[in-house]
Amino acid sequence: MEQASSFEDNIESRFLSLTQEEKTAVITHGVALRISDLKNRLFLAESKVRSFEEKYQTTLDDLEARGLPDDADMDMHEDYIMWHHWTDEAANTKNKLKDLE
C-alpha cells in the first residue's frame, strides 16, 4: 500500500513539474485515448444488448413489463442477468463519454 501511494505521489509531482503546454498535451491525449476506449466499450455493450433483443425478439423494458415467462429455463435467467449488466454498462459508458466530450 505504501509503495502505491509513493508511486502515485511521484507521478503527481512529475506532472505538476511540467509546463502548462505539456500538461495540456498530456490531458488532451489522455482524454482522446479514454474516449476511444469508452467508444469501444459502448460498441461492445450495445452489441450484447442487441444480441439479446434479437434472441428473445423483445427489449429488456418490454420483458421487464411482462416478466420472465413461467417456463423460462436457466439459460434465459442467466441471459436476463447479463442483459441487465450490458444495458447498465451501455448507459454508464454513454454518461462517461458525455462527460468527456
N, C-alpha and C. Protein backbone atom coordinates (compact mmCIF):
# COMPACT_ATOMS: atom_id res chain seq x y z
N MET A 1 0.82 -1.18 0.00
CA MET A 1 0.00 0.00 0.00
C MET A 1 0.87 1.25 0.00
N GLU A 2 1.89 1.24 0.81
CA GLU A 2 2.82 2.36 0.92
C GLU A 2 3.48 2.63 -0.43
N GLN A 3 3.87 1.56 -1.13
CA GLN A 3 4.56 1.68 -2.40
C GLN A 3 3.65 2.32 -3.45
N ALA A 4 2.37 1.94 -3.50
CA ALA A 4 1.44 2.50 -4.47
C ALA A 4 1.27 4.00 -4.24
N SER A 5 1.15 4.39 -2.99
CA SER A 5 0.99 5.81 -2.65
C SER A 5 2.22 6.59 -3.10
N SER A 6 3.39 6.05 -2.87
CA SER A 6 4.63 6.70 -3.27
C SER A 6 4.69 6.84 -4.80
N PHE A 7 4.27 5.80 -5.50
CA PHE A 7 4.25 5.81 -6.96
C PHE A 7 3.30 6.90 -7.46
N GLU A 8 2.10 6.98 -6.88
CA GLU A 8 1.13 7.99 -7.27
C GLU A 8 1.64 9.39 -6.96
N ASP A 9 2.27 9.56 -5.80
CA ASP A 9 2.83 10.86 -5.45
C ASP A 9 3.91 11.26 -6.45
N ASN A 10 4.72 10.29 -6.88
CA ASN A 10 5.78 10.56 -7.85
C ASN A 10 5.19 10.99 -9.19
N ILE A 11 4.15 10.31 -9.62
CA ILE A 11 3.50 10.68 -10.89
C ILE A 11 2.93 12.09 -10.79
N GLU A 12 2.24 12.35 -9.67
CA GLU A 12 1.63 13.66 -9.49
C GLU A 12 2.69 14.76 -9.46
N SER A 13 3.77 14.53 -8.75
CA SER A 13 4.81 15.57 -8.67
C SER A 13 5.47 15.78 -10.03
N ARG A 14 5.67 14.71 -10.78
CA ARG A 14 6.24 14.87 -12.12
C ARG A 14 5.29 15.63 -13.04
N PHE A 15 3.99 15.30 -12.95
CA PHE A 15 3.00 16.01 -13.76
C PHE A 15 2.99 17.50 -13.41
N LEU A 16 3.00 17.81 -12.13
CA LEU A 16 2.96 19.20 -11.69
C LEU A 16 4.20 19.98 -12.11
N SER A 17 5.29 19.28 -12.35
CA SER A 17 6.52 19.97 -12.77
C SER A 17 6.54 20.29 -14.27
N LEU A 18 5.59 19.76 -15.01
CA LEU A 18 5.53 20.03 -16.45
C LEU A 18 5.09 21.47 -16.72
N THR A 19 5.43 21.94 -17.90
CA THR A 19 4.94 23.26 -18.31
C THR A 19 3.44 23.15 -18.58
N GLN A 20 2.77 24.28 -18.62
CA GLN A 20 1.32 24.29 -18.88
C GLN A 20 1.02 23.65 -20.23
N GLU A 21 1.85 23.93 -21.20
CA GLU A 21 1.67 23.36 -22.54
C GLU A 21 1.75 21.83 -22.50
N GLU A 22 2.73 21.30 -21.77
CA GLU A 22 2.88 19.85 -21.65
C GLU A 22 1.72 19.23 -20.86
N LYS A 23 1.29 19.91 -19.80
CA LYS A 23 0.14 19.41 -19.04
C LYS A 23 -1.09 19.31 -19.93
N THR A 24 -1.31 20.33 -20.74
CA THR A 24 -2.45 20.34 -21.65
C THR A 24 -2.34 19.20 -22.67
N ALA A 25 -1.14 19.00 -23.20
CA ALA A 25 -0.93 17.92 -24.17
C ALA A 25 -1.19 16.55 -23.55
N VAL A 26 -0.70 16.33 -22.33
CA VAL A 26 -0.90 15.05 -21.64
C VAL A 26 -2.39 14.81 -21.41
N ILE A 27 -3.08 15.82 -20.93
CA ILE A 27 -4.51 15.67 -20.65
C ILE A 27 -5.29 15.45 -21.95
N THR A 28 -4.97 16.21 -22.98
CA THR A 28 -5.66 16.09 -24.26
C THR A 28 -5.49 14.69 -24.84
N HIS A 29 -4.26 14.19 -24.82
CA HIS A 29 -4.02 12.85 -25.35
C HIS A 29 -4.67 11.79 -24.47
N GLY A 30 -4.61 11.98 -23.18
CA GLY A 30 -5.24 11.03 -22.26
C GLY A 30 -6.74 10.96 -22.47
N VAL A 31 -7.36 12.11 -22.65
CA VAL A 31 -8.81 12.15 -22.88
C VAL A 31 -9.14 11.46 -24.21
N ALA A 32 -8.34 11.71 -25.23
CA ALA A 32 -8.58 11.08 -26.54
C ALA A 32 -8.50 9.56 -26.43
N LEU A 33 -7.50 9.06 -25.70
CA LEU A 33 -7.39 7.61 -25.51
C LEU A 33 -8.56 7.06 -24.71
N ARG A 34 -8.95 7.78 -23.67
CA ARG A 34 -10.08 7.33 -22.84
C ARG A 34 -11.37 7.31 -23.65
N ILE A 35 -11.59 8.33 -24.48
CA ILE A 35 -12.79 8.36 -25.33
C ILE A 35 -12.79 7.17 -26.28
N SER A 36 -11.65 6.87 -26.86
CA SER A 36 -11.54 5.73 -27.76
C SER A 36 -11.88 4.42 -27.03
N ASP A 37 -11.33 4.25 -25.84
CA ASP A 37 -11.63 3.05 -25.05
C ASP A 37 -13.11 2.96 -24.71
N LEU A 38 -13.69 4.09 -24.32
CA LEU A 38 -15.11 4.10 -23.96
C LEU A 38 -16.00 3.82 -25.17
N LYS A 39 -15.64 4.34 -26.33
CA LYS A 39 -16.42 4.07 -27.54
C LYS A 39 -16.37 2.58 -27.89
N ASN A 40 -15.21 1.96 -27.71
CA ASN A 40 -15.11 0.52 -27.93
C ASN A 40 -15.97 -0.24 -26.94
N ARG A 41 -15.95 0.18 -25.69
CA ARG A 41 -16.76 -0.46 -24.65
C ARG A 41 -18.25 -0.29 -24.94
N LEU A 42 -18.64 0.90 -25.40
CA LEU A 42 -20.03 1.15 -25.74
C LEU A 42 -20.47 0.27 -26.91
N PHE A 43 -19.62 0.15 -27.91
CA PHE A 43 -19.93 -0.71 -29.05
C PHE A 43 -20.16 -2.14 -28.59
N LEU A 44 -19.30 -2.64 -27.72
CA LEU A 44 -19.44 -4.00 -27.19
C LEU A 44 -20.76 -4.14 -26.41
N ALA A 45 -21.01 -3.20 -25.51
CA ALA A 45 -22.22 -3.27 -24.68
C ALA A 45 -23.47 -3.22 -25.54
N GLU A 46 -23.52 -2.31 -26.50
CA GLU A 46 -24.70 -2.20 -27.35
C GLU A 46 -24.87 -3.43 -28.23
N SER A 47 -23.77 -4.03 -28.66
CA SER A 47 -23.83 -5.27 -29.45
C SER A 47 -24.41 -6.40 -28.62
N LYS A 48 -23.99 -6.49 -27.36
CA LYS A 48 -24.51 -7.53 -26.48
C LYS A 48 -26.01 -7.34 -26.25
N VAL A 49 -26.43 -6.09 -26.01
CA VAL A 49 -27.85 -5.81 -25.80
C VAL A 49 -28.64 -6.19 -27.06
N ARG A 50 -28.15 -5.81 -28.23
CA ARG A 50 -28.84 -6.15 -29.48
C ARG A 50 -28.95 -7.65 -29.67
N SER A 51 -27.91 -8.38 -29.29
CA SER A 51 -27.96 -9.84 -29.47
C SER A 51 -29.04 -10.47 -28.58
N PHE A 52 -29.22 -9.94 -27.36
CA PHE A 52 -30.29 -10.44 -26.50
C PHE A 52 -31.66 -10.05 -27.08
N GLU A 53 -31.76 -8.83 -27.60
CA GLU A 53 -33.03 -8.40 -28.20
C GLU A 53 -33.40 -9.28 -29.39
N GLU A 54 -32.41 -9.62 -30.20
CA GLU A 54 -32.66 -10.49 -31.35
C GLU A 54 -33.00 -11.91 -30.90
N LYS A 55 -32.29 -12.41 -29.93
CA LYS A 55 -32.52 -13.78 -29.44
C LYS A 55 -33.92 -13.94 -28.89
N TYR A 56 -34.38 -12.94 -28.11
CA TYR A 56 -35.68 -13.05 -27.45
C TYR A 56 -36.78 -12.23 -28.13
N GLN A 57 -36.42 -11.57 -29.24
CA GLN A 57 -37.40 -10.80 -30.02
C GLN A 57 -38.19 -9.80 -29.16
N THR A 58 -37.48 -9.13 -28.26
CA THR A 58 -38.08 -8.13 -27.40
C THR A 58 -37.00 -7.24 -26.82
N THR A 59 -37.41 -6.17 -26.19
CA THR A 59 -36.46 -5.32 -25.49
C THR A 59 -36.48 -5.69 -24.01
N LEU A 60 -35.47 -5.28 -23.30
CA LEU A 60 -35.42 -5.56 -21.87
C LEU A 60 -36.57 -4.86 -21.16
N ASP A 61 -36.89 -3.64 -21.56
CA ASP A 61 -38.01 -2.92 -20.94
C ASP A 61 -39.33 -3.68 -21.10
N ASP A 62 -39.56 -4.21 -22.30
CA ASP A 62 -40.79 -4.99 -22.52
C ASP A 62 -40.79 -6.27 -21.71
N LEU A 63 -39.65 -6.92 -21.65
CA LEU A 63 -39.54 -8.14 -20.86
C LEU A 63 -39.78 -7.86 -19.38
N GLU A 64 -39.24 -6.75 -18.92
CA GLU A 64 -39.44 -6.35 -17.52
C GLU A 64 -40.93 -6.12 -17.24
N ALA A 65 -41.62 -5.49 -18.19
CA ALA A 65 -43.04 -5.18 -18.01
C ALA A 65 -43.87 -6.47 -17.95
N ARG A 66 -43.51 -7.45 -18.77
CA ARG A 66 -44.25 -8.73 -18.81
C ARG A 66 -43.76 -9.71 -17.75
N GLY A 67 -42.49 -9.60 -17.41
CA GLY A 67 -41.88 -10.58 -16.52
C GLY A 67 -41.35 -11.77 -17.31
N LEU A 68 -40.47 -12.51 -16.69
CA LEU A 68 -39.94 -13.71 -17.36
C LEU A 68 -41.07 -14.73 -17.50
N PRO A 69 -41.07 -15.47 -18.60
CA PRO A 69 -42.10 -16.50 -18.76
C PRO A 69 -41.99 -17.56 -17.65
N ASP A 70 -43.11 -18.17 -17.33
CA ASP A 70 -43.11 -19.21 -16.29
C ASP A 70 -42.21 -20.39 -16.66
N ASP A 71 -42.06 -20.63 -17.96
CA ASP A 71 -41.24 -21.77 -18.39
C ASP A 71 -39.80 -21.37 -18.73
N ALA A 72 -39.37 -20.19 -18.27
CA ALA A 72 -38.00 -19.72 -18.55
C ALA A 72 -36.99 -20.70 -17.96
N ASP A 73 -36.03 -21.11 -18.79
CA ASP A 73 -35.00 -22.04 -18.33
C ASP A 73 -33.82 -21.29 -17.70
N MET A 74 -32.85 -22.06 -17.24
CA MET A 74 -31.68 -21.48 -16.59
C MET A 74 -30.93 -20.54 -17.53
N ASP A 75 -30.84 -20.89 -18.81
CA ASP A 75 -30.14 -20.04 -19.79
C ASP A 75 -30.82 -18.68 -19.90
N MET A 76 -32.13 -18.67 -19.90
CA MET A 76 -32.84 -17.40 -20.01
C MET A 76 -32.61 -16.56 -18.74
N HIS A 77 -32.59 -17.19 -17.60
CA HIS A 77 -32.33 -16.47 -16.36
C HIS A 77 -30.92 -15.87 -16.37
N GLU A 78 -29.95 -16.63 -16.85
CA GLU A 78 -28.58 -16.13 -16.95
C GLU A 78 -28.48 -15.00 -17.97
N ASP A 79 -29.16 -15.17 -19.11
CA ASP A 79 -29.17 -14.12 -20.12
C ASP A 79 -29.81 -12.84 -19.56
N TYR A 80 -30.87 -13.02 -18.79
CA TYR A 80 -31.57 -11.89 -18.19
C TYR A 80 -30.62 -11.09 -17.30
N ILE A 81 -29.83 -11.77 -16.51
CA ILE A 81 -28.85 -11.09 -15.64
C ILE A 81 -27.80 -10.37 -16.48
N MET A 82 -27.29 -11.06 -17.50
CA MET A 82 -26.27 -10.44 -18.36
C MET A 82 -26.85 -9.30 -19.19
N TRP A 83 -28.10 -9.44 -19.59
CA TRP A 83 -28.79 -8.39 -20.35
C TRP A 83 -28.84 -7.12 -19.51
N HIS A 84 -29.18 -7.27 -18.25
CA HIS A 84 -29.18 -6.13 -17.33
C HIS A 84 -27.78 -5.53 -17.22
N HIS A 85 -26.79 -6.39 -17.06
CA HIS A 85 -25.41 -5.92 -16.93
C HIS A 85 -25.02 -5.07 -18.14
N TRP A 86 -25.24 -5.59 -19.34
CA TRP A 86 -24.80 -4.88 -20.54
C TRP A 86 -25.64 -3.63 -20.80
N THR A 87 -26.91 -3.64 -20.42
CA THR A 87 -27.74 -2.44 -20.54
C THR A 87 -27.22 -1.36 -19.61
N ASP A 88 -26.91 -1.74 -18.37
CA ASP A 88 -26.34 -0.78 -17.41
C ASP A 88 -24.98 -0.28 -17.88
N GLU A 89 -24.18 -1.19 -18.40
CA GLU A 89 -22.84 -0.82 -18.89
C GLU A 89 -22.94 0.18 -20.03
N ALA A 90 -23.88 -0.03 -20.95
CA ALA A 90 -24.07 0.91 -22.07
C ALA A 90 -24.47 2.28 -21.54
N ALA A 91 -25.40 2.32 -20.61
CA ALA A 91 -25.86 3.61 -20.05
C ALA A 91 -24.73 4.32 -19.31
N ASN A 92 -24.00 3.59 -18.49
CA ASN A 92 -22.88 4.18 -17.74
C ASN A 92 -21.79 4.69 -18.68
N THR A 93 -21.51 3.92 -19.70
CA THR A 93 -20.46 4.31 -20.66
C THR A 93 -20.88 5.55 -21.44
N LYS A 94 -22.16 5.62 -21.83
CA LYS A 94 -22.67 6.82 -22.51
C LYS A 94 -22.49 8.05 -21.63
N ASN A 95 -22.78 7.91 -20.35
CA ASN A 95 -22.62 9.04 -19.42
C ASN A 95 -21.17 9.47 -19.30
N LYS A 96 -20.27 8.50 -19.22
CA LYS A 96 -18.84 8.82 -19.14
C LYS A 96 -18.36 9.54 -20.41
N LEU A 97 -18.84 9.05 -21.56
CA LEU A 97 -18.47 9.70 -22.82
C LEU A 97 -19.00 11.13 -22.87
N LYS A 98 -20.24 11.30 -22.45
CA LYS A 98 -20.84 12.63 -22.44
C LYS A 98 -20.02 13.59 -21.58
N ASP A 99 -19.57 13.11 -20.43
CA ASP A 99 -18.76 13.93 -19.54
C ASP A 99 -17.43 14.33 -20.18
N LEU A 100 -16.83 13.43 -20.94
CA LEU A 100 -15.53 13.72 -21.54
C LEU A 100 -15.63 14.55 -22.83
N GLU A 101 -16.72 14.38 -23.55
CA GLU A 101 -16.86 15.09 -24.84
C GLU A 101 -17.46 16.43 -24.57
